[in-house]
């Protein structure tokens, strides 16, 4: 699954624009009074203003060999979110390593180096090595319902997990991270998980889909290819 565009919401849009463009150096594609679209390689992150919002969790793929460089680069810009003393999180069951930080909305942002992907780089690490948005958190009280909706609309399958507490749906280039928000919080800081509204445009098996997640319900919207 490829995440082509992810739209999230912010009550603090100017601060978010400054953070992503000036602190992290992400290229702005378009900017209006009420939104900004940012270049994340194969994906676009759009942040729209909304008066009341709750935090998100999303992840960005980086080259498979760059987790240490990414950590050192980030430490000059943000506070690293740790699990105990660990600054780099080792997901050996996924053959991946990740680094976490907050943006200005207290969204948990993850840079993840997936060793199974053939995307290593010899270039010095910078925001141009944000390759794609690869995860969006979708907290819910009914993981099975969300999976059934996703599978019905797009045909995507479970990558890891089950219906009780945690389920990753999709593949290593694009995943919906479903957690049961009544029994699990966000790693690595145990922040409360909210069912925050988002829109997503994705490609699965050469078919383009647009989905809206709101009030723990997915809606499929027809779009032109």
C-alpha atoms as a PDB file:
ATOM      1  CA  UNK A   1       0.000   0.000   0.000  1.00  0.00           C
ATOM      2  CA  UNK A   2       1.238   3.459  -0.884  1.00  0.00           C
ATOM      3  CA  UNK A   3       0.024   6.454   1.082  1.00  0.00           C
ATOM      4  CA  UNK A   4      -0.157   9.230  -1.493  1.00  0.00           C
ATOM      5  CA  UNK A   5      -1.707  11.932   0.695  1.00  0.00           C
ATOM      6  CA  UNK A   6      -2.542  12.148   4.368  1.00  0.00           C
ATOM      7  CA  UNK A   7      -4.635  15.028   5.722  1.00  0.00           C
ATOM      8  CA  UNK A   8      -4.612  15.758   9.439  1.00  0.00           C
ATOM      9  CA  UNK A   9      -5.924  18.706  11.445  1.00  0.00           C
ATOM     10  CA  UNK A  10      -4.296  21.321  13.651  1.00  0.00           C
ATOM     11  CA  UNK A  11      -5.472  24.145  15.892  1.00  0.00           C
ATOM     12  CA  UNK A  12      -1.933  25.521  15.782  1.00  0.00           C
ATOM     13  CA  UNK A  13      -1.290  25.748  12.049  1.00  0.00           C
ATOM     14  CA  UNK A  14       1.321  28.544  11.971  1.00  0.00           C
ATOM     15  CA  UNK A  15       3.467  26.747  14.547  1.00  0.00           C
ATOM     16  CA  UNK A  16       3.194  23.514  12.578  1.00  0.00           C
ATOM     17  CA  UNK A  17       4.178  25.242   9.346  1.00  0.00           C
ATOM     18  CA  UNK A  18       7.209  26.757  11.055  1.00  0.00           C
ATOM     19  CA  UNK A  19       8.179  23.436  12.626  1.00  0.00           C
ATOM     20  CA  UNK A  20       8.033  21.338   9.487  1.00  0.00           C
ATOM     21  CA  UNK A  21       9.415  23.923   7.066  1.00  0.00           C
ATOM     22  CA  UNK A  22      11.985  25.794   9.181  1.00  0.00           C
ATOM     23  CA  UNK A  23      12.996  23.318  11.878  1.00  0.00           C
ATOM     24  CA  UNK A  24      12.891  20.076   9.877  1.00  0.00           C
ATOM     25  CA  UNK A  25      13.405  21.648   6.449  1.00  0.00           C
ATOM     26  CA  UNK A  26      10.485  19.955   4.707  1.00  0.00           C
ATOM     27  CA  UNK A  27       9.537  21.576   1.401  1.00  0.00           C
ATOM     28  CA  UNK A  28       6.186  23.382   1.285  1.00  0.00           C
ATOM     29  CA  UNK A  29       4.157  22.454  -1.801  1.00  0.00           C
ATOM     30  CA  UNK A  30       1.215  24.809  -1.226  1.00  0.00           C
ATOM     31  CA  UNK A  31       0.225  27.167   1.579  1.00  0.00           C
ATOM     32  CA  UNK A  32      -3.113  28.907   2.188  1.00  0.00           C
ATOM     33  CA  UNK A  33      -4.585  30.668   5.208  1.00  0.00           C
ATOM     34  CA  UNK A  34      -6.167  27.423   6.346  1.00  0.00           C
ATOM     35  CA  UNK A  35      -3.798  24.665   5.221  1.00  0.00           C
ATOM     36  CA  UNK A  36      -0.314  23.608   4.205  1.00  0.00           C
ATOM     37  CA  UNK A  37       0.815  20.709   2.028  1.00  0.00           C
ATOM     38  CA  UNK A  38       4.296  19.310   2.644  1.00  0.00           C
ATOM     39  CA  UNK A  39       6.577  17.161   0.499  1.00  0.00           C
ATOM     40  CA  UNK A  40       7.362  13.790   2.080  1.00  0.00           C
ATOM     41  CA  UNK A  41       8.876  12.075  -0.934  1.00  0.00           C
ATOM     42  CA  UNK A  42       6.277   9.712  -2.369  1.00  0.00           C
ATOM     43  CA  UNK A  43       3.633  11.188  -0.042  1.00  0.00           C
ATOM     44  CA  UNK A  44       2.078  14.562   0.707  1.00  0.00           C
ATOM     45  CA  UNK A  45       1.214  15.580   4.265  1.00  0.00           C
ATOM     46  CA  UNK A  46      -1.572  18.165   4.348  1.00  0.00           C
ATOM     47  CA  UNK A  47      -2.336  19.917   7.619  1.00  0.00           C
ATOM     48  CA  UNK A  48      -5.623  21.819   7.776  1.00  0.00           C
ATOM     49  CA  UNK A  49      -6.780  24.225  10.447  1.00  0.00           C
ATOM     50  CA  UNK A  50      -9.522  23.124  12.802  1.00  0.00           C
ATOM     51  CA  UNK A  51     -10.376  24.866  16.068  1.00  0.00           C
ATOM     52  CA  UNK A  52     -10.446  21.699  18.191  1.00  0.00           C
ATOM     53  CA  UNK A  53      -8.142  18.762  17.491  1.00  0.00           C
ATOM     54  CA  UNK A  54      -6.550  15.769  19.208  1.00  0.00           C
ATOM     55  CA  UNK A  55      -3.070  14.303  18.617  1.00  0.00           C
ATOM     56  CA  UNK A  56      -2.055  11.795  15.965  1.00  0.00           C
ATOM     57  CA  UNK A  57       0.636   9.209  15.499  1.00  0.00           C
ATOM     58  CA  UNK A  58       2.192   8.735  12.080  1.00  0.00           C
ATOM     59  CA  UNK A  59       5.435   7.337  10.700  1.00  0.00           C
ATOM     60  CA  UNK A  60       7.781   8.240   7.874  1.00  0.00           C
ATOM     61  CA  UNK A  61       9.995   5.743   6.082  1.00  0.00           C
ATOM     62  CA  UNK A  62      13.671   6.686   5.876  1.00  0.00           C
ATOM     63  CA  UNK A  63      16.496   4.771   4.149  1.00  0.00           C
ATOM     64  CA  UNK A  64      17.113   1.356   5.684  1.00  0.00           C
ATOM     65  CA  UNK A  65      20.651   2.252   6.789  1.00  0.00           C
ATOM     66  CA  UNK A  66      19.995   5.698   8.264  1.00  0.00           C
ATOM     67  CA  UNK A  67      18.521   5.323  11.767  1.00  0.00           C
ATOM     68  CA  UNK A  68      21.715   6.435  13.558  1.00  0.00           C
ATOM     69  CA  UNK A  69      22.247   9.417  11.250  1.00  0.00           C
ATOM     70  CA  UNK A  70      18.573  10.312  11.587  1.00  0.00           C
ATOM     71  CA  UNK A  71      18.874  10.259  15.383  1.00  0.00           C
ATOM     72  CA  UNK A  72      21.933  12.505  15.383  1.00  0.00           C
ATOM     73  CA  UNK A  73      20.286  14.895  12.927  1.00  0.00           C
ATOM     74  CA  UNK A  74      17.060  15.039  14.958  1.00  0.00           C
ATOM     75  CA  UNK A  75      18.888  15.645  18.253  1.00  0.00           C
ATOM     76  CA  UNK A  76      20.004  19.050  16.953  1.00  0.00           C
ATOM     77  CA  UNK A  77      16.347  19.993  16.349  1.00  0.00           C
ATOM     78  CA  UNK A  78      13.948  18.191  18.718  1.00  0.00           C
ATOM     79  CA  UNK A  79      13.754  16.214  21.939  1.00  0.00           C
ATOM     80  CA  UNK A  80      13.896  12.473  21.294  1.00  0.00           C
ATOM     81  CA  UNK A  81      11.117  10.371  22.820  1.00  0.00           C
ATOM     82  CA  UNK A  82      12.722   7.425  24.592  1.00  0.00           C
ATOM     83  CA  UNK A  83      11.693   4.019  25.849  1.00  0.00           C
ATOM     84  CA  UNK A  84      13.686   3.954  29.073  1.00  0.00           C
ATOM     85  CA  UNK A  85      17.200   4.975  28.003  1.00  0.00           C
ATOM     86  CA  UNK A  86      16.754   3.796  24.424  1.00  0.00           C
ATOM     87  CA  UNK A  87      16.748   6.532  21.789  1.00  0.00           C
ATOM     88  CA  UNK A  88      16.536   4.076  18.878  1.00  0.00           C
ATOM     89  CA  UNK A  89      13.769   1.494  19.146  1.00  0.00           C
ATOM     90  CA  UNK A  90      14.597  -1.949  17.764  1.00  0.00           C
ATOM     91  CA  UNK A  91      11.581  -3.719  16.258  1.00  0.00           C
ATOM     92  CA  UNK A  92      13.347  -6.975  15.524  1.00  0.00           C
ATOM     93  CA  UNK A  93      10.053  -8.717  14.697  1.00  0.00           C
ATOM     94  CA  UNK A  94       9.645  -6.233  11.807  1.00  0.00           C
ATOM     95  CA  UNK A  95      13.378  -6.003  11.042  1.00  0.00           C
ATOM     96  CA  UNK A  96      13.165  -2.239  11.568  1.00  0.00           C
ATOM     97  CA  UNK A  97      14.549   0.510  13.789  1.00  0.00           C
ATOM     98  CA  UNK A  98      12.796   3.758  14.676  1.00  0.00           C
ATOM     99  CA  UNK A  99      13.216   7.153  16.332  1.00  0.00           C
ATOM    100  CA  UNK A 100      10.332   9.170  17.797  1.00  0.00           C
ATOM    101  CA  UNK A 101       9.671  12.857  18.507  1.00  0.00           C
ATOM    102  CA  UNK A 102       6.812  15.318  18.980  1.00  0.00           C
ATOM    103  CA  UNK A 103       5.758  18.019  16.557  1.00  0.00           C
ATOM    104  CA  UNK A 104       4.085  21.231  17.755  1.00  0.00           C
ATOM    105  CA  UNK A 105       0.673  19.588  18.151  1.00  0.00           C
ATOM    106  CA  UNK A 106       2.096  16.833  20.354  1.00  0.00           C
ATOM    107  CA  UNK A 107       1.653  14.392  17.489  1.00  0.00           C
ATOM    108  CA  UNK A 108       3.998  11.443  17.875  1.00  0.00           C
ATOM    109  CA  UNK A 109       6.120  11.359  14.717  1.00  0.00           C
ATOM    110  CA  UNK A 110       8.245   8.322  13.925  1.00  0.00           C
ATOM    111  CA  UNK A 111      11.148   7.958  11.523  1.00  0.00           C
ATOM    112  CA  UNK A 112      11.513   4.265  10.707  1.00  0.00           C
ATOM    113  CA  UNK A 113      14.271   2.437   8.844  1.00  0.00           C
ATOM    114  CA  UNK A 114      12.852  -0.819   7.490  1.00  0.00           C
ATOM    115  CA  UNK A 115      15.691  -3.193   6.734  1.00  0.00           C
ATOM    116  CA  UNK A 116      13.598  -5.316   4.351  1.00  0.00           C
ATOM    117  CA  UNK A 117      13.174  -2.414   1.912  1.00  0.00           C
ATOM    118  CA  UNK A 118      15.795  -1.862  -0.774  1.00  0.00           C
ATOM    119  CA  UNK A 119      16.171   1.862  -0.139  1.00  0.00           C
ATOM    120  CA  UNK A 120      19.582   2.377   1.485  1.00  0.00           C
ATOM    121  CA  UNK A 121      21.322   5.673   0.740  1.00  0.00           C
ATOM    122  CA  UNK A 122      24.906   6.960   0.660  1.00  0.00           C
ATOM    123  CA  UNK A 123      23.828  10.593   1.065  1.00  0.00           C
ATOM    124  CA  UNK A 124      24.083  12.539   4.312  1.00  0.00           C
ATOM    125  CA  UNK A 125      20.803  12.451   6.212  1.00  0.00           C
ATOM    126  CA  UNK A 126      18.345  15.323   5.879  1.00  0.00           C
ATOM    127  CA  UNK A 127      14.654  15.918   5.327  1.00  0.00           C
ATOM    128  CA  UNK A 128      15.044  14.994   1.652  1.00  0.00           C
ATOM    129  CA  UNK A 129      15.394  11.420   2.945  1.00  0.00           C
ATOM    130  CA  UNK A 130      11.849  11.430   4.286  1.00  0.00           C
ATOM    131  CA  UNK A 131      10.830   8.856   1.690  1.00  0.00           C
ATOM    132  CA  UNK A 132       7.096   8.455   2.307  1.00  0.00           C
ATOM    133  CA  UNK A 133       4.448   8.456   4.998  1.00  0.00           C
ATOM    134  CA  UNK A 134       4.312   4.803   5.976  1.00  0.00           C
ATOM    135  CA  UNK A 135       1.942   4.643   8.955  1.00  0.00           C
ATOM    136  CA  UNK A 136      -1.132   6.401  10.297  1.00  0.00           C
ATOM    137  CA  UNK A 137      -2.506   5.565  13.705  1.00  0.00           C
ATOM    138  CA  UNK A 138      -6.170   4.604  13.822  1.00  0.00           C
ATOM    139  CA  UNK A 139      -7.141   4.055  17.472  1.00  0.00           C
ATOM    140  CA  UNK A 140     -10.524   2.465  17.967  1.00  0.00           C
ATOM    141  CA  UNK A 141     -12.601   0.393  20.349  1.00  0.00           C
ATOM    142  CA  UNK A 142     -13.306  -2.195  17.622  1.00  0.00           C
ATOM    143  CA  UNK A 143     -10.243  -3.234  15.621  1.00  0.00           C
ATOM    144  CA  UNK A 144     -12.091  -5.988  13.800  1.00  0.00           C
ATOM    145  CA  UNK A 145     -14.685  -3.520  12.496  1.00  0.00           C
ATOM    146  CA  UNK A 146     -11.985  -1.202  11.161  1.00  0.00           C
ATOM    147  CA  UNK A 147     -10.156  -4.069   9.459  1.00  0.00           C
ATOM    148  CA  UNK A 148     -13.345  -5.347   7.860  1.00  0.00           C
ATOM    149  CA  UNK A 149     -14.088  -1.877   6.497  1.00  0.00           C
ATOM    150  CA  UNK A 150     -10.548  -1.417   5.159  1.00  0.00           C
ATOM    151  CA  UNK A 151     -10.520  -4.856   3.599  1.00  0.00           C
ATOM    152  CA  UNK A 152     -13.940  -4.311   2.001  1.00  0.00           C
ATOM    153  CA  UNK A 153     -12.998  -0.922   0.551  1.00  0.00           C
ATOM    154  CA  UNK A 154      -9.414  -1.638  -0.583  1.00  0.00           C
ATOM    155  CA  UNK A 155      -8.613  -5.338  -0.215  1.00  0.00           C
ATOM    156  CA  UNK A 156      -5.638  -4.717   2.080  1.00  0.00           C
ATOM    157  CA  UNK A 157      -4.723  -7.454   4.551  1.00  0.00           C
ATOM    158  CA  UNK A 158      -3.262  -7.762   8.043  1.00  0.00           C
ATOM    159  CA  UNK A 159       0.499  -7.276   8.227  1.00  0.00           C
ATOM    160  CA  UNK A 160       0.877  -8.102  11.921  1.00  0.00           C
ATOM    161  CA  UNK A 161      -1.237  -8.486  15.041  1.00  0.00           C
ATOM    162  CA  UNK A 162      -4.866  -9.327  15.708  1.00  0.00           C
ATOM    163  CA  UNK A 163      -8.149  -7.858  16.836  1.00  0.00           C
ATOM    164  CA  UNK A 164      -7.625  -7.666  20.607  1.00  0.00           C
ATOM    165  CA  UNK A 165      -5.053  -4.878  21.214  1.00  0.00           C
ATOM    166  CA  UNK A 166      -2.921  -4.171  18.126  1.00  0.00           C
ATOM    167  CA  UNK A 167      -3.231  -4.707  14.399  1.00  0.00           C
ATOM    168  CA  UNK A 168      -1.036  -3.362  11.592  1.00  0.00           C
ATOM    169  CA  UNK A 169      -2.919  -3.458   8.291  1.00  0.00           C
ATOM    170  CA  UNK A 170      -1.177  -3.038   4.933  1.00  0.00           C
ATOM    171  CA  UNK A 171       2.527  -3.515   4.197  1.00  0.00           C
ATOM    172  CA  UNK A 172       5.908  -1.923   4.889  1.00  0.00           C
ATOM    173  CA  UNK A 173       5.331   1.022   2.574  1.00  0.00           C
ATOM    174  CA  UNK A 174       1.934   1.823   4.071  1.00  0.00           C
ATOM    175  CA  UNK A 175       0.202   0.702   7.266  1.00  0.00           C
ATOM    176  CA  UNK A 176      -2.881   1.531   9.293  1.00  0.00           C
ATOM    177  CA  UNK A 177      -1.887   1.067  12.934  1.00  0.00           C
ATOM    178  CA  UNK A 178      -5.037   0.049  14.791  1.00  0.00           C
ATOM    179  CA  UNK A 179      -4.853  -0.134  18.565  1.00  0.00           C
ATOM    180  CA  UNK A 180      -7.574  -0.717  21.099  1.00  0.00           C
ATOM    181  CA  UNK A 181      -7.531   2.669  22.813  1.00  0.00           C
ATOM    182  CA  UNK A 182      -9.178   1.253  25.933  1.00  0.00           C
ATOM    183  CA  UNK A 183      -6.321  -1.174  26.607  1.00  0.00           C
ATOM    184  CA  UNK A 184      -3.268   0.287  24.860  1.00  0.00           C
ATOM    185  CA  UNK A 185      -1.557   3.693  24.653  1.00  0.00           C
ATOM    186  CA  UNK A 186       0.977   4.990  22.139  1.00  0.00           C
ATOM    187  CA  UNK A 187       4.545   3.697  22.326  1.00  0.00           C
ATOM    188  CA  UNK A 188       7.077   4.818  23.497  1.00  0.00           C
ATOM    189  CA  UNK A 189       5.643   7.467  25.849  1.00  0.00           C
ATOM    190  CA  UNK A 190       2.295   5.895  26.818  1.00  0.00           C
ATOM    191  CA  UNK A 191       0.340   8.894  25.532  1.00  0.00           C
ATOM    192  CA  UNK A 192      -3.407   8.470  25.411  1.00  0.00           C
ATOM    193  CA  UNK A 193      -4.568   7.414  21.939  1.00  0.00           C
ATOM    194  CA  UNK A 194      -7.322   9.452  20.322  1.00  0.00           C
ATOM    195  CA  UNK A 195      -9.479   8.495  17.337  1.00  0.00           C
ATOM    196  CA  UNK A 196      -8.382  11.668  15.546  1.00  0.00           C
ATOM    197  CA  UNK A 197     -10.074  12.468  12.257  1.00  0.00           C
ATOM    198  CA  UNK A 198      -8.021  12.119   9.070  1.00  0.00           C
ATOM    199  CA  UNK A 199      -8.351  11.730   5.321  1.00  0.00           C
ATOM    200  CA  UNK A 200      -6.098   9.519   3.250  1.00  0.00           C
ATOM    201  CA  UNK A 201      -5.495   8.828  -0.420  1.00  0.00           C
ATOM    202  CA  UNK A 202      -3.789   5.503  -1.042  1.00  0.00           C
ATOM    203  CA  UNK A 203      -2.933   3.101  -3.806  1.00  0.00           C
ATOM    204  CA  UNK A 204      -3.408  -0.620  -3.287  1.00  0.00           C
ATOM    205  CA  UNK A 205      -2.831  -3.040  -6.164  1.00  0.00           C
ATOM    206  CA  UNK A 206      -2.839  -0.139  -8.657  1.00  0.00           C
ATOM    207  CA  UNK A 207      -6.253   1.079  -7.448  1.00  0.00           C
ATOM    208  CA  UNK A 208      -6.558   4.548  -5.932  1.00  0.00           C
ATOM    209  CA  UNK A 209      -8.807   5.038  -2.908  1.00  0.00           C
ATOM    210  CA  UNK A 210      -9.805   7.953  -0.692  1.00  0.00           C
ATOM    211  CA  UNK A 211     -10.893   7.224   2.861  1.00  0.00           C
ATOM    212  CA  UNK A 212     -12.156   9.460   5.647  1.00  0.00           C
ATOM    213  CA  UNK A 213     -11.824   8.343   9.261  1.00  0.00           C
ATOM    214  CA  UNK A 214     -14.224  10.150  11.585  1.00  0.00           C
ATOM    215  CA  UNK A 215     -15.989   9.086  14.777  1.00  0.00           C
ATOM    216  CA  UNK A 216     -14.296   5.682  14.520  1.00  0.00           C
ATOM    217  CA  UNK A 217     -15.964   5.052  11.173  1.00  0.00           C
ATOM    218  CA  UNK A 218     -14.340   4.777   7.749  1.00  0.00           C
ATOM    219  CA  UNK A 219     -16.024   6.239   4.688  1.00  0.00           C
ATOM    220  CA  UNK A 220     -14.879   5.409   1.166  1.00  0.00           C
ATOM    221  CA  UNK A 221     -15.008   8.255  -1.346  1.00  0.00           C
ATOM    222  CA  UNK A 222     -14.805   7.624  -5.088  1.00  0.00           C
ATOM    223  CA  UNK A 223     -12.028   9.564  -6.820  1.00  0.00           C
ATOM    224  CA  UNK A 224     -10.674   9.790 -10.334  1.00  0.00           C
ATOM    225  CA  UNK A 225      -7.456   7.971 -11.068  1.00  0.00           C
END
